[in-house]
Amino acid sequence: MQIHSALPFIKAYFFSWIVTYMLASIFHTQRVLHGLAELDVAISLTDRAATTLDDIIGLLPKYGSAIALALLIAFLIAIILTRRRTRVAPWTIAAGASAMLVMLLAMQPIMNVTLIAGAREAVGIALQCLAGAIGGLLFASLYGYFQSKQTTTT
């Protein structure tokens, strides 16, 4: 595969990784803050926004890298499996959600800790998988768009 033919994949992957990471980070932060609020801890909107921004920046090196690797593997497999199919979105949506689930489940035995506190219960895990599914949908849309743009310019 030449780099020129890989560009639609690379572009779609990059943007979908950013969106998935941002959503996963925001969902994590809000789940943690929700847990604190259930304990009657008062959290202002300003504190919520500041904490969310801090987590987006702070989680990027480790959680962002883990998401990037998980999505890369999942989207590559999805694209290989759909090479001759016209409907890619169902596969990439499932791939994104599955990548997040597998990554979260793999963290526990490997690191002996659940690093993402917002994913320690079913709702939190579901939200992380939702972030992956949205990333998968975005990937399918952008991949098709970038492929069509490449076809019309060559």
C-alpha atoms as a PDB file:
ATOM      1  CA  MET A   1       0.000   0.000   0.000  1.00  0.00           C
ATOM      2  CA  GLN A   2       1.390   3.351  -0.970  1.00  0.00           C
ATOM      3  CA  ILE A   3       1.245   6.250   1.492  1.00  0.00           C
ATOM      4  CA  HIS A   4      -1.031   8.146  -0.910  1.00  0.00           C
ATOM      5  CA  SER A   5      -3.655   5.410  -0.711  1.00  0.00           C
ATOM      6  CA  ALA A   6      -3.333   5.283   3.088  1.00  0.00           C
ATOM      7  CA  LEU A   7      -4.035   9.012   3.524  1.00  0.00           C
ATOM      8  CA  PRO A   8      -7.842   8.678   3.770  1.00  0.00           C
ATOM      9  CA  PHE A   9      -7.390   6.125   6.563  1.00  0.00           C
ATOM     10  CA  ILE A  10      -4.790   8.225   8.390  1.00  0.00           C
ATOM     11  CA  LYS A  11      -6.870  11.410   8.226  1.00  0.00           C
ATOM     12  CA  ALA A  12     -10.102   9.703   9.287  1.00  0.00           C
ATOM     13  CA  TYR A  13      -8.304   7.839  12.078  1.00  0.00           C
ATOM     14  CA  PHE A  14      -6.685  10.996  13.445  1.00  0.00           C
ATOM     15  CA  PHE A  15      -9.910  12.996  13.667  1.00  0.00           C
ATOM     16  CA  SER A  16     -11.919  10.100  15.065  1.00  0.00           C
ATOM     17  CA  TRP A  17      -9.223   9.449  17.699  1.00  0.00           C
ATOM     18  CA  ILE A  18      -9.387  13.079  18.838  1.00  0.00           C
ATOM     19  CA  VAL A  19     -13.181  13.013  19.109  1.00  0.00           C
ATOM     20  CA  THR A  20     -13.195   9.647  20.860  1.00  0.00           C
ATOM     21  CA  TYR A  21     -10.535  10.768  23.332  1.00  0.00           C
ATOM     22  CA  MET A  22     -12.277  14.070  24.050  1.00  0.00           C
ATOM     23  CA  LEU A  23     -15.646  12.363  24.638  1.00  0.00           C
ATOM     24  CA  ALA A  24     -14.090   9.586  26.740  1.00  0.00           C
ATOM     25  CA  SER A  25     -12.242  12.127  28.866  1.00  0.00           C
ATOM     26  CA  ILE A  26     -15.329  14.311  29.321  1.00  0.00           C
ATOM     27  CA  PHE A  27     -17.517  11.296  30.160  1.00  0.00           C
ATOM     28  CA  HIS A  28     -14.927  10.107  32.695  1.00  0.00           C
ATOM     29  CA  THR A  29     -14.692  13.475  34.409  1.00  0.00           C
ATOM     30  CA  GLN A  30     -18.433  13.981  34.579  1.00  0.00           C
ATOM     31  CA  ARG A  31     -18.977  10.471  36.019  1.00  0.00           C
ATOM     32  CA  VAL A  32     -16.434  11.177  38.767  1.00  0.00           C
ATOM     33  CA  LEU A  33     -17.985  14.570  39.517  1.00  0.00           C
ATOM     34  CA  HIS A  34     -21.449  12.989  39.507  1.00  0.00           C
ATOM     35  CA  GLY A  35     -20.232  10.522  42.140  1.00  0.00           C
ATOM     36  CA  LEU A  36     -18.976  13.369  44.276  1.00  0.00           C
ATOM     37  CA  ALA A  37     -22.242  15.252  43.872  1.00  0.00           C
ATOM     38  CA  GLU A  38     -24.098  12.149  45.083  1.00  0.00           C
ATOM     39  CA  LEU A  39     -22.044  12.480  48.270  1.00  0.00           C
ATOM     40  CA  ASP A  40     -23.392  16.032  48.634  1.00  0.00           C
ATOM     41  CA  VAL A  41     -20.178  17.682  47.479  1.00  0.00           C
ATOM     42  CA  ALA A  42     -21.088  21.010  45.893  1.00  0.00           C
ATOM     43  CA  ILE A  43     -19.451  21.387  42.478  1.00  0.00           C
ATOM     44  CA  SER A  44     -19.948  24.623  40.588  1.00  0.00           C
ATOM     45  CA  LEU A  45     -20.203  24.833  36.824  1.00  0.00           C
ATOM     46  CA  THR A  46     -16.854  26.633  36.800  1.00  0.00           C
ATOM     47  CA  ASP A  47     -15.254  23.792  38.777  1.00  0.00           C
ATOM     48  CA  ARG A  48     -16.817  21.238  36.411  1.00  0.00           C
ATOM     49  CA  ALA A  49     -15.411  23.047  33.378  1.00  0.00           C
ATOM     50  CA  ALA A  50     -11.959  23.511  34.938  1.00  0.00           C
ATOM     51  CA  THR A  51     -11.780  19.889  36.072  1.00  0.00           C
ATOM     52  CA  THR A  52     -12.881  18.680  32.640  1.00  0.00           C
ATOM     53  CA  LEU A  53     -10.194  20.752  30.922  1.00  0.00           C
ATOM     54  CA  ASP A  54      -7.555  19.565  33.409  1.00  0.00           C
ATOM     55  CA  ASP A  55      -8.517  15.940  32.747  1.00  0.00           C
ATOM     56  CA  ILE A  56      -8.483  16.388  28.968  1.00  0.00           C
ATOM     57  CA  ILE A  57      -4.912  17.647  29.237  1.00  0.00           C
ATOM     58  CA  GLY A  58      -3.788  15.356  32.049  1.00  0.00           C
ATOM     59  CA  LEU A  59      -5.157  12.095  30.662  1.00  0.00           C
ATOM     60  CA  LEU A  60      -3.779  12.649  27.170  1.00  0.00           C
ATOM     61  CA  PRO A  61      -0.364  10.987  27.520  1.00  0.00           C
ATOM     62  CA  LYS A  62      -1.557   7.671  28.933  1.00  0.00           C
ATOM     63  CA  TYR A  63      -5.272   7.373  28.249  1.00  0.00           C
ATOM     64  CA  GLY A  64      -5.015   9.172  24.918  1.00  0.00           C
ATOM     65  CA  SER A  65      -2.223   6.829  23.835  1.00  0.00           C
ATOM     66  CA  ALA A  66      -4.171   3.747  24.931  1.00  0.00           C
ATOM     67  CA  ILE A  67      -7.223   4.927  22.991  1.00  0.00           C
ATOM     68  CA  ALA A  68      -5.081   5.723  19.942  1.00  0.00           C
ATOM     69  CA  LEU A  69      -3.610   2.229  19.884  1.00  0.00           C
ATOM     70  CA  ALA A  70      -6.941   0.490  20.539  1.00  0.00           C
ATOM     71  CA  LEU A  71      -8.700   2.442  17.783  1.00  0.00           C
ATOM     72  CA  LEU A  72      -5.859   1.938  15.314  1.00  0.00           C
ATOM     73  CA  ILE A  73      -6.051  -1.831  15.712  1.00  0.00           C
ATOM     74  CA  ALA A  74      -9.864  -1.855  15.638  1.00  0.00           C
ATOM     75  CA  PHE A  75     -10.216   0.383  12.582  1.00  0.00           C
ATOM     76  CA  LEU A  76      -7.539  -1.498  10.650  1.00  0.00           C
ATOM     77  CA  ILE A  77      -9.376  -4.762  11.296  1.00  0.00           C
ATOM     78  CA  ALA A  78     -12.722  -3.174  10.387  1.00  0.00           C
ATOM     79  CA  ILE A  79     -11.354  -1.813   7.110  1.00  0.00           C
ATOM     80  CA  ILE A  80      -9.782  -5.157   6.212  1.00  0.00           C
ATOM     81  CA  LEU A  81     -13.065  -6.958   6.948  1.00  0.00           C
ATOM     82  CA  THR A  82     -15.081  -4.466   4.898  1.00  0.00           C
ATOM     83  CA  ARG A  83     -12.686  -4.150   1.977  1.00  0.00           C
ATOM     84  CA  ARG A  84     -15.303  -5.344  -0.518  1.00  0.00           C
ATOM     85  CA  ARG A  85     -18.402  -4.050   1.247  1.00  0.00           C
ATOM     86  CA  THR A  86     -20.152  -0.743   0.731  1.00  0.00           C
ATOM     87  CA  ARG A  87     -21.435  -0.389   4.308  1.00  0.00           C
ATOM     88  CA  VAL A  88     -18.467   0.320   6.537  1.00  0.00           C
ATOM     89  CA  ALA A  89     -20.188   2.271   9.342  1.00  0.00           C
ATOM     90  CA  PRO A  90     -21.732  -0.655  11.259  1.00  0.00           C
ATOM     91  CA  TRP A  91     -18.333  -2.309  11.385  1.00  0.00           C
ATOM     92  CA  THR A  92     -16.411   0.778  12.474  1.00  0.00           C
ATOM     93  CA  ILE A  93     -19.039   1.698  15.078  1.00  0.00           C
ATOM     94  CA  ALA A  94     -18.755  -1.800  16.549  1.00  0.00           C
ATOM     95  CA  ALA A  95     -14.967  -1.620  16.246  1.00  0.00           C
ATOM     96  CA  GLY A  96     -14.767   1.687  18.114  1.00  0.00           C
ATOM     97  CA  ALA A  97     -17.043   0.522  20.934  1.00  0.00           C
ATOM     98  CA  SER A  98     -15.274  -2.836  21.170  1.00  0.00           C
ATOM     99  CA  ALA A  99     -11.852  -1.180  21.201  1.00  0.00           C
ATOM    100  CA  MET A 100     -12.837   0.905  24.199  1.00  0.00           C
ATOM    101  CA  LEU A 101     -14.297  -2.075  26.047  1.00  0.00           C
ATOM    102  CA  VAL A 102     -11.297  -4.315  25.399  1.00  0.00           C
ATOM    103  CA  MET A 103      -8.882  -1.547  26.380  1.00  0.00           C
ATOM    104  CA  LEU A 104     -10.719  -0.887  29.662  1.00  0.00           C
ATOM    105  CA  LEU A 105     -10.984  -4.586  30.493  1.00  0.00           C
ATOM    106  CA  ALA A 106      -7.306  -5.142  29.665  1.00  0.00           C
ATOM    107  CA  MET A 107      -6.133  -2.360  31.988  1.00  0.00           C
ATOM    108  CA  GLN A 108      -7.261  -4.186  35.125  1.00  0.00           C
ATOM    109  CA  PRO A 109      -5.190  -7.387  34.818  1.00  0.00           C
ATOM    110  CA  ILE A 110      -2.209  -5.653  33.197  1.00  0.00           C
ATOM    111  CA  MET A 111      -1.927  -2.749  35.644  1.00  0.00           C
ATOM    112  CA  ASN A 112      -3.903  -4.239  38.549  1.00  0.00           C
ATOM    113  CA  VAL A 113      -5.921  -1.029  38.799  1.00  0.00           C
ATOM    114  CA  THR A 114      -8.796   0.617  36.981  1.00  0.00           C
ATOM    115  CA  LEU A 115      -7.120   3.834  35.869  1.00  0.00           C
ATOM    116  CA  ILE A 116     -10.301   5.408  34.576  1.00  0.00           C
ATOM    117  CA  ALA A 117     -12.392   6.040  37.665  1.00  0.00           C
ATOM    118  CA  GLY A 118     -15.331   7.099  35.529  1.00  0.00           C
ATOM    119  CA  ALA A 119     -15.436   3.567  34.079  1.00  0.00           C
ATOM    120  CA  ARG A 120     -15.584   1.538  37.276  1.00  0.00           C
ATOM    121  CA  GLU A 121     -19.281   0.738  36.933  1.00  0.00           C
ATOM    122  CA  ALA A 122     -21.598  -0.233  34.090  1.00  0.00           C
ATOM    123  CA  VAL A 123     -22.773   3.287  33.206  1.00  0.00           C
ATOM    124  CA  GLY A 124     -19.209   4.572  33.013  1.00  0.00           C
ATOM    125  CA  ILE A 125     -18.099   1.665  30.845  1.00  0.00           C
ATOM    126  CA  ALA A 126     -21.121   2.164  28.595  1.00  0.00           C
ATOM    127  CA  LEU A 127     -20.243   5.846  28.193  1.00  0.00           C
ATOM    128  CA  GLN A 128     -16.662   4.988  27.256  1.00  0.00           C
ATOM    129  CA  CYS A 129     -17.977   2.502  24.677  1.00  0.00           C
ATOM    130  CA  LEU A 130     -20.372   5.184  23.411  1.00  0.00           C
ATOM    131  CA  ALA A 131     -17.366   7.470  22.882  1.00  0.00           C
ATOM    132  CA  GLY A 132     -15.754   4.696  20.826  1.00  0.00           C
ATOM    133  CA  ALA A 133     -18.943   4.096  18.840  1.00  0.00           C
ATOM    134  CA  ILE A 134     -19.233   7.800  18.016  1.00  0.00           C
ATOM    135  CA  GLY A 135     -15.572   7.774  16.994  1.00  0.00           C
ATOM    136  CA  GLY A 136     -16.288   4.761  14.791  1.00  0.00           C
ATOM    137  CA  LEU A 137     -19.197   6.513  13.113  1.00  0.00           C
ATOM    138  CA  LEU A 138     -17.049   9.588  12.521  1.00  0.00           C
ATOM    139  CA  PHE A 139     -14.269   7.386  11.153  1.00  0.00           C
ATOM    140  CA  ALA A 140     -16.615   5.751   8.624  1.00  0.00           C
ATOM    141  CA  SER A 141     -17.960   9.122   7.504  1.00  0.00           C
ATOM    142  CA  LEU A 142     -14.560  10.741   7.165  1.00  0.00           C
ATOM    143  CA  TYR A 143     -12.964   7.700   5.571  1.00  0.00           C
ATOM    144  CA  GLY A 144     -15.616   7.678   2.840  1.00  0.00           C
ATOM    145  CA  TYR A 145     -15.315  11.442   2.418  1.00  0.00           C
ATOM    146  CA  PHE A 146     -11.514  11.417   2.170  1.00  0.00           C
ATOM    147  CA  GLN A 147     -11.605   8.466  -0.229  1.00  0.00           C
ATOM    148  CA  SER A 148     -14.070  10.252  -2.505  1.00  0.00           C
ATOM    149  CA  LYS A 149     -11.976  13.442  -2.407  1.00  0.00           C
ATOM    150  CA  GLN A 150      -8.873  11.456  -3.303  1.00  0.00           C
ATOM    151  CA  THR A 151     -10.674   9.754  -6.184  1.00  0.00           C
ATOM    152  CA  THR A 152     -11.896  13.044  -7.643  1.00  0.00           C
ATOM    153  CA  THR A 153      -8.460  14.706  -7.393  1.00  0.00           C
ATOM    154  CA  THR A 154      -6.502  11.867  -9.014  1.00  0.00           C
END
